Amino acid sequence: MGNMAKNKSETCIFCLIANDQDKETEVIKKNKELVCFRDIDPAAPHHYLVVPIQHIHSCLSLRRGHIGLVKRMAEMGKTVLHDQGVTDMKDIRLGFHQPPFTSVDHLHLHVLAPSSQISKHMQYKFIPRTSRFVTEECLQKHLKDNAPPVLSEESLNQNEPHGKDALCFPCWNTTAMATL
């Protein structure tokens, strides 16, 4: 492991959790590639994070070759929900925040259930098809199409409509917020 990767794994909280170096976080499920644990600020009765053990900065870092990783992250999330007694798999939400809306610079999948019970004061963080929250299906589609996985920061800052290469969600705007 290079110095840069080693330094990141020593300071990134998700790297510490994934490598069993954080004694406060209870790992719910782990394999050789992924780890799942509860979100420290849950937005729903079941709110878990699935992270790769390898440090990957964010969904901006993903390419076509990462489709399988995204699928496996979603599969682990669904398995954990099932193991925790969640039976209505239609009332779940799986997705990623993209910069600048990330709080930890380590790729992580939010797994929420029931999505109908997401806290009112946190709903805005988990609205599908917005620039803030990219569903795992949408991310997989764009990785498969080899399109850029997210909007450019310039486009986000200018609130410009995005073109054919943008993610499969309408432009994020106050109309989406008004529906909450």
Protein backbone atom coordinates (compact mmCIF):
# COMPACT_ATOMS: atom_id res chain seq x y z
CA MET A 1 0.00 0.00 0.00
CA GLY A 2 1.43 3.39 -0.96
CA ASN A 3 2.01 6.17 1.56
CA MET A 4 -0.98 8.15 0.34
CA ALA A 5 -3.34 5.16 0.68
CA LYS A 6 -1.81 4.23 4.03
CA ASN A 7 -2.23 7.77 5.36
CA LYS A 8 -5.86 7.87 4.17
CA SER A 9 -6.64 4.54 5.84
CA GLU A 10 -5.18 5.86 9.10
CA THR A 11 -7.38 9.00 9.10
CA CYS A 12 -10.60 7.96 7.33
CA ILE A 13 -13.22 6.85 9.87
CA PHE A 14 -14.77 4.39 7.40
CA CYS A 15 -11.33 2.86 6.69
CA LEU A 16 -10.83 2.47 10.44
CA ILE A 17 -14.24 0.80 10.82
CA ALA A 18 -13.66 -1.47 7.80
CA ASN A 19 -10.28 -2.55 9.19
CA ASP A 20 -11.58 -3.28 12.73
CA GLN A 21 -9.73 -0.31 14.21
CA ASP A 22 -12.77 1.56 15.53
CA LYS A 23 -13.97 -0.04 18.77
CA GLU A 24 -17.19 2.01 19.04
CA THR A 25 -18.83 0.90 15.80
CA GLU A 26 -20.59 -2.45 15.68
CA VAL A 27 -20.10 -4.12 12.33
CA ILE A 28 -23.27 -5.93 11.29
CA LYS A 29 -21.91 -7.78 8.26
CA LYS A 30 -18.49 -8.08 6.67
CA ASN A 31 -16.82 -10.00 3.89
CA LYS A 32 -13.43 -9.70 2.18
CA GLU A 33 -14.60 -6.65 0.17
CA LEU A 34 -17.38 -4.86 2.08
CA VAL A 35 -18.52 -3.94 5.56
CA CYS A 36 -21.95 -2.84 6.83
CA PHE A 37 -22.77 -0.90 10.00
CA ARG A 38 -25.47 1.39 11.39
CA ASP A 39 -25.45 5.07 10.48
CA ILE A 40 -24.61 7.16 13.56
CA ASP A 41 -27.39 9.63 12.71
CA PRO A 42 -30.19 7.38 11.41
CA ALA A 43 -32.85 8.91 9.20
CA ALA A 44 -35.12 5.84 9.34
CA PRO A 45 -35.77 2.93 11.72
CA HIS A 46 -33.23 0.92 9.70
CA HIS A 47 -30.36 3.05 8.36
CA TYR A 48 -27.15 1.25 7.47
CA LEU A 49 -24.04 2.11 5.51
CA VAL A 50 -22.27 -0.34 3.22
CA VAL A 51 -18.68 0.64 2.47
CA PRO A 52 -15.88 -1.01 0.52
CA ILE A 53 -12.90 -1.96 2.66
CA GLN A 54 -10.66 -0.46 -0.02
CA HIS A 55 -10.68 3.33 0.21
CA ILE A 56 -12.63 4.80 -2.71
CA HIS A 57 -13.25 8.51 -2.40
CA SER A 58 -16.83 8.78 -3.74
CA CYS A 59 -19.14 7.84 -6.61
CA LEU A 60 -17.16 10.39 -8.67
CA SER A 61 -14.25 7.91 -8.53
CA LEU A 62 -16.21 5.03 -10.04
CA ARG A 63 -15.92 3.77 -13.60
CA ARG A 64 -17.51 1.03 -15.71
CA GLY A 65 -15.37 -1.61 -13.97
CA HIS A 66 -17.05 -0.78 -10.64
CA ILE A 67 -20.56 -1.91 -11.68
CA GLY A 68 -20.08 -5.22 -9.87
CA LEU A 69 -18.96 -3.43 -6.72
CA VAL A 70 -22.08 -1.25 -6.70
CA LYS A 71 -24.26 -4.36 -7.23
CA ARG A 72 -22.53 -6.21 -4.38
CA MET A 73 -22.94 -3.20 -2.09
CA ALA A 74 -26.70 -3.16 -2.84
CA GLU A 75 -26.94 -6.93 -2.34
CA MET A 76 -25.25 -6.69 1.05
CA GLY A 77 -27.56 -3.84 2.06
CA LYS A 78 -30.65 -5.83 1.11
CA THR A 79 -29.33 -8.91 2.92
CA VAL A 80 -28.77 -6.88 6.09
CA LEU A 81 -32.29 -5.46 5.87
CA HIS A 82 -33.68 -8.98 5.49
CA ASP A 83 -31.55 -10.23 8.41
CA GLN A 84 -32.87 -7.33 10.53
CA GLY A 85 -36.48 -8.37 9.85
CA VAL A 86 -37.39 -5.98 7.04
CA THR A 87 -39.87 -7.81 4.80
CA ASP A 88 -41.25 -5.06 2.54
CA MET A 89 -38.43 -4.65 0.05
CA LYS A 90 -40.54 -2.17 -1.95
CA ASP A 91 -40.35 0.31 0.94
CA ILE A 92 -36.57 0.71 0.98
CA ARG A 93 -34.18 3.29 -0.41
CA LEU A 94 -30.61 2.61 -1.54
CA GLY A 95 -28.32 5.33 -2.78
CA PHE A 96 -25.21 7.44 -2.61
CA HIS A 97 -24.62 11.07 -1.81
CA GLN A 98 -22.25 12.71 -4.25
CA PRO A 99 -19.88 15.58 -3.55
CA PRO A 100 -20.39 18.22 -2.34
CA PHE A 101 -23.15 16.47 -0.34
CA THR A 102 -20.96 13.83 1.32
CA SER A 103 -19.99 13.99 4.98
CA VAL A 104 -17.27 11.31 4.80
CA ASP A 105 -14.93 11.09 1.81
CA HIS A 106 -15.20 7.32 1.47
CA LEU A 107 -17.72 5.69 -0.86
CA HIS A 108 -20.77 4.56 1.10
CA LEU A 109 -24.20 3.25 0.20
CA HIS A 110 -27.08 4.43 2.36
CA VAL A 111 -29.56 1.62 3.07
CA LEU A 112 -32.83 2.93 4.54
CA ALA A 113 -36.05 1.16 5.54
CA PRO A 114 -38.86 1.71 5.64
CA SER A 115 -38.38 4.61 3.26
CA SER A 116 -41.91 5.74 4.09
CA GLN A 117 -40.65 6.45 7.62
CA ILE A 118 -37.61 8.57 6.77
CA SER A 119 -37.51 11.38 9.30
CA LYS A 120 -39.27 14.53 8.05
CA HIS A 121 -36.30 16.74 8.96
CA MET A 122 -33.91 14.47 7.01
CA GLN A 123 -36.00 13.63 3.94
CA TYR A 124 -34.30 16.26 1.79
CA LYS A 125 -31.05 14.28 2.00
CA PHE A 126 -32.57 11.17 0.46
CA ILE A 127 -34.78 12.34 -2.41
CA PRO A 128 -34.18 9.95 -5.34
CA ARG A 129 -33.18 11.38 -8.72
CA THR A 130 -31.75 14.59 -7.31
CA SER A 131 -28.18 15.82 -7.50
CA ARG A 132 -27.93 15.19 -3.75
CA PHE A 133 -28.92 11.49 -3.74
CA VAL A 134 -28.08 9.09 -6.57
CA THR A 135 -29.90 5.76 -6.41
CA GLU A 136 -27.81 2.66 -6.87
CA GLU A 137 -29.82 1.72 -9.98
CA CYS A 138 -29.14 5.10 -11.56
CA LEU A 139 -25.44 4.90 -10.74
CA GLN A 140 -25.20 1.40 -12.21
CA LYS A 141 -26.94 2.53 -15.40
CA HIS A 142 -24.53 5.38 -15.95
CA LEU A 143 -21.50 3.28 -15.15
CA LYS A 144 -22.76 0.74 -17.68
CA ASP A 145 -23.33 3.45 -20.28
CA ASN A 146 -19.84 4.73 -19.44
CA ALA A 147 -21.34 8.19 -18.96
CA PRO A 148 -19.98 10.51 -16.31
CA PRO A 149 -21.49 9.26 -13.04
CA VAL A 150 -22.56 12.68 -11.75
CA LEU A 151 -23.14 16.28 -12.71
CA SER A 152 -20.18 18.59 -12.85
CA GLU A 153 -19.61 20.88 -9.89
CA GLU A 154 -19.93 23.83 -12.27
CA SER A 155 -23.37 22.65 -13.36
CA LEU A 156 -24.43 22.15 -9.74
CA ASN A 157 -23.27 25.64 -8.82
CA GLN A 158 -25.01 27.28 -11.77
CA ASN A 159 -28.23 25.22 -11.57
CA GLU A 160 -27.96 24.64 -15.30
CA PRO A 161 -29.95 21.89 -16.97
CA HIS A 162 -27.78 18.87 -17.66
CA GLY A 163 -27.33 17.20 -20.99
CA LYS A 164 -27.56 13.63 -22.23
CA ASP A 165 -24.55 12.49 -20.18
CA ALA A 166 -25.96 13.52 -16.80
CA LEU A 167 -27.53 11.14 -14.33
CA CYS A 168 -31.11 9.99 -14.82
CA PHE A 169 -32.78 12.52 -12.56
CA PRO A 170 -34.45 15.84 -13.18
CA CYS A 171 -32.54 18.94 -12.25
CA TRP A 172 -32.48 19.39 -8.50
CA ASN A 173 -34.54 22.40 -7.58
CA THR A 174 -36.85 23.85 -4.97
CA THR A 175 -39.84 22.13 -6.58
CA ALA A 176 -38.55 18.79 -5.29
CA MET A 177 -38.16 20.30 -1.82
CA ALA A 178 -41.71 21.68 -1.91
CA THR A 179 -43.11 18.15 -2.17
CA LEU A 180 -41.83 17.21 1.28
